[in-house]
Protein backbone atom coordinates (compact mmCIF):
# COMPACT_ATOMS: atom_id res chain seq x y z
CA MET A 1 -58.12 8.56 -83.69
CA GLU A 2 -54.54 9.89 -83.46
CA GLN A 3 -55.77 12.48 -81.36
CA ILE A 4 -56.90 9.83 -78.77
CA ASP A 5 -53.95 7.74 -79.27
CA ARG A 6 -51.58 10.36 -78.18
CA MET A 7 -54.38 11.50 -75.42
CA GLU A 8 -54.06 7.92 -74.27
CA ILE A 9 -50.10 7.64 -74.22
CA SER A 10 -49.91 10.94 -72.75
CA GLY A 11 -52.13 10.28 -69.90
CA ALA A 12 -51.09 6.79 -69.24
CA VAL A 13 -47.37 8.09 -69.17
CA SER A 14 -48.06 11.27 -67.02
CA ALA A 15 -50.22 8.92 -64.33
CA GLY A 16 -47.09 6.94 -64.54
CA LYS A 17 -45.05 9.79 -63.80
CA ALA A 18 -47.24 10.80 -61.05
CA GLN A 19 -46.89 7.43 -59.45
CA GLY A 20 -43.20 7.83 -59.66
CA ALA A 21 -43.19 4.86 -61.70
CA ARG A 22 -40.08 6.05 -64.12
CA SER A 23 -38.14 3.84 -65.74
CA ALA A 24 -35.37 3.41 -68.38
CA THR A 25 -37.79 2.42 -71.27
CA GLY A 26 -40.16 5.25 -70.14
CA ASN A 27 -42.95 3.61 -68.62
CA PHE A 28 -42.84 0.29 -70.99
CA PRO A 29 -46.62 -0.72 -70.16
CA ALA A 30 -48.20 2.29 -70.41
CA ARG A 31 -46.78 3.05 -74.15
CA LEU A 32 -47.89 -0.82 -74.72
CA LEU A 33 -50.70 -0.47 -73.74
CA ALA A 34 -52.09 2.65 -75.63
CA GLY A 35 -53.25 3.24 -79.16
CA TRP A 36 -53.21 0.73 -81.78
CA ARG A 37 -51.07 -1.61 -79.67
CA ALA A 38 -53.64 -1.78 -76.81
CA ASP A 39 -56.72 -3.08 -79.96
CA VAL A 40 -54.19 -5.48 -81.32
CA VAL A 41 -53.51 -6.92 -77.54
CA SER A 42 -57.10 -6.88 -76.71
CA LEU A 43 -58.05 -8.81 -79.83
CA ALA A 44 -55.22 -11.07 -79.27
CA MET A 45 -56.41 -11.77 -75.55
CA GLY A 46 -60.02 -12.26 -76.54
CA ALA A 47 -57.85 -15.23 -78.72
CA SER A 48 -56.14 -16.68 -76.10
CA PHE A 49 -58.96 -16.64 -73.72
CA PRO A 50 -60.93 -19.82 -74.90
CA LEU A 51 -57.69 -21.70 -73.96
CA ALA A 52 -59.02 -21.85 -70.57
CA PHE A 53 -61.67 -23.85 -71.61
CA ALA A 54 -61.82 -27.61 -73.08
CA PRO A 55 -60.72 -29.11 -74.91
CA TYR A 56 -57.46 -27.34 -74.13
CA GLY A 57 -58.04 -27.20 -70.51
CA TYR A 58 -55.46 -24.19 -69.19
CA GLY A 59 -57.67 -22.73 -66.59
CA LEU A 60 -55.32 -20.60 -64.81
CA ILE A 61 -54.52 -18.75 -68.13
CA ALA A 62 -57.83 -16.93 -67.96
CA TYR A 63 -56.33 -14.83 -65.39
CA PRO A 64 -53.57 -12.60 -67.02
CA VAL A 65 -55.76 -12.87 -70.20
CA LEU A 66 -58.55 -10.65 -68.44
CA ALA A 67 -56.01 -8.98 -66.31
CA VAL A 68 -54.08 -7.38 -69.52
CA PHE A 69 -57.38 -7.03 -71.36
CA PHE A 70 -58.45 -4.95 -68.38
CA LEU A 71 -55.13 -3.16 -68.18
CA ALA A 72 -55.83 -2.07 -72.02
CA CYS A 73 -58.83 -0.72 -70.73
CA LEU A 74 -57.28 1.44 -68.23
CA ASN A 75 -56.48 4.94 -69.83
CA ALA A 76 -58.97 4.58 -72.64
CA SER A 77 -61.96 7.05 -73.34
CA ALA A 78 -65.06 5.38 -73.13
CA ILE A 79 -66.17 4.52 -77.01
CA ARG A 80 -62.25 3.24 -77.16
CA ALA A 81 -62.91 0.92 -74.26
CA ALA A 82 -65.99 -0.41 -75.78
CA TRP A 83 -64.04 -1.01 -78.98
CA ARG A 84 -61.48 -2.83 -77.32
CA GLY A 85 -64.42 -4.88 -75.36
CA TRP A 86 -65.65 -5.65 -78.76
CA LEU A 87 -62.49 -6.82 -80.09
CA PHE A 88 -62.11 -8.93 -77.32
CA GLY A 89 -64.98 -10.32 -77.52
CA VAL A 90 -64.78 -11.18 -81.40
CA GLY A 91 -61.09 -12.63 -80.68
CA GLN A 92 -62.88 -14.69 -77.68
CA PHE A 93 -65.93 -16.23 -79.73
CA THR A 94 -64.39 -16.50 -82.98
CA VAL A 95 -61.62 -18.73 -81.67
CA GLY A 96 -64.64 -20.25 -79.10
CA CYS A 97 -67.54 -20.57 -81.11
CA GLY A 98 -65.56 -22.45 -84.17
CA TRP A 99 -68.02 -25.47 -83.65
CA VAL A 100 -71.09 -23.39 -84.47
CA TYR A 101 -69.86 -23.27 -87.74
CA THR A 102 -69.18 -26.80 -88.24
CA GLY A 103 -72.44 -27.92 -86.75
CA LEU A 104 -74.36 -25.77 -89.39
CA GLN A 105 -72.29 -26.74 -92.28
CA TYR A 106 -72.38 -30.46 -91.59
CA GLY A 107 -74.99 -31.10 -89.40
CA GLY A 108 -77.54 -28.09 -89.72
CA GLY A 109 -78.35 -28.54 -93.33
CA VAL A 110 -78.11 -25.50 -93.99
CA PRO A 111 -77.12 -24.21 -97.91
CA ALA A 112 -73.78 -23.54 -98.73
CA GLY A 113 -72.39 -20.03 -97.62
CA LEU A 114 -74.86 -19.23 -95.14
CA PRO A 115 -73.09 -21.13 -92.05
CA LEU A 116 -69.99 -18.70 -92.47
CA LEU A 117 -72.31 -15.82 -92.62
CA LEU A 118 -74.74 -17.23 -89.36
CA THR A 119 -71.10 -17.53 -87.50
CA VAL A 120 -69.92 -14.18 -88.12
CA TYR A 121 -73.32 -12.56 -86.96
CA LEU A 122 -73.18 -14.65 -83.88
CA VAL A 123 -69.55 -13.38 -83.31
CA GLY A 124 -70.21 -9.95 -83.74
CA VAL A 125 -73.35 -10.01 -81.59
CA LEU A 126 -72.02 -11.62 -78.80
CA ALA A 127 -68.61 -9.33 -78.92
CA LEU A 128 -71.28 -6.97 -77.96
CA TYR A 129 -71.51 -8.03 -74.06
CA PRO A 130 -67.71 -7.71 -73.45
CA ALA A 131 -67.99 -4.07 -75.09
CA LEU A 132 -70.78 -3.15 -73.22
CA ALA A 133 -68.88 -4.27 -70.00
CA ALA A 134 -66.16 -2.14 -71.13
CA LEU A 135 -68.04 0.75 -72.01
CA VAL A 136 -70.49 0.88 -68.84
CA SER A 137 -66.85 1.09 -66.49
CA ALA A 138 -64.86 3.24 -68.82
CA SER A 139 -67.86 5.78 -68.55
CA LEU A 140 -68.59 5.57 -64.64
CA TYR A 141 -65.13 5.54 -63.41
CA ALA A 142 -63.37 7.62 -66.08
CA ARG A 143 -61.54 9.80 -63.27
CA ARG A 144 -60.71 6.99 -60.83
CA PRO A 145 -58.82 4.86 -63.12
CA HIS A 146 -57.64 1.96 -60.40
CA THR A 147 -61.52 1.62 -59.55
CA LEU A 148 -62.42 0.85 -62.80
CA LEU A 149 -59.43 -1.60 -62.71
CA LEU A 150 -60.11 -3.62 -59.81
CA VAL A 151 -63.87 -2.89 -59.10
CA ALA A 152 -65.53 -1.91 -61.94
CA LEU A 153 -64.63 -4.03 -64.80
CA PRO A 154 -64.85 -7.38 -63.13
CA LEU A 155 -68.71 -6.23 -61.93
CA THR A 156 -69.55 -5.22 -64.96
CA TRP A 157 -67.70 -8.04 -66.69
CA ALA A 158 -69.67 -10.52 -64.52
CA LEU A 159 -73.08 -8.74 -65.18
CA ALA A 160 -72.58 -8.78 -68.75
CA GLU A 161 -71.91 -12.32 -68.69
CA TYR A 162 -74.94 -12.91 -66.41
CA ALA A 163 -76.82 -11.15 -69.21
CA ARG A 164 -75.56 -13.14 -71.73
CA SER A 165 -76.50 -16.13 -70.50
CA THR A 166 -80.25 -15.47 -69.85
CA LEU A 167 -81.38 -13.01 -72.22
CA TRP A 168 -82.77 -14.40 -74.96
CA THR A 169 -82.65 -17.75 -73.79
CA GLY A 170 -79.14 -16.96 -73.80
CA PHE A 171 -75.59 -18.66 -74.70
CA PRO A 172 -73.60 -19.73 -71.81
CA TRP A 173 -70.60 -20.31 -73.48
CA LEU A 174 -66.93 -19.45 -72.51
CA LEU A 175 -68.21 -17.88 -69.01
CA ALA A 176 -64.99 -16.66 -67.27
CA GLY A 177 -66.38 -18.66 -63.98
CA TYR A 178 -66.11 -22.08 -65.74
CA SER A 179 -62.30 -21.85 -66.58
């Protein structure tokens, strides 16, 4: 894990130097979005994403949230990008699907303790879709990071959301197109 973190930081910093992006802070965004910090940022961005939907209605927040998440995946290995995608999904569906727990607890007649277990399971499974999008993008475009950021991640994100809304009766909840 430590070796991956160092590789991400050195890769991100050297990419910034190659593009002439030196600054007094030593390429601040590359250091901020590398290693465990990018993992935390991915989780936080996922938890912020549901603010773009009802009842909050801050639709424009979806753009910077997804942009920061995509940047967090930019210089990551495929496995690390998948981990960040899963963390994003955990944040997204934990905050955005709290109603599932409430429905099971109070309206579903489910025995005590089971609603929490079922909701955690649902969140974990739904988080696999953003993880899959990040994994596929990072695997296909590892050598072309700007193509990954501008083309591959948005495309695979849309495909993953389509799959999530149609496979196994679908769960079309918190789709970016509705924000």
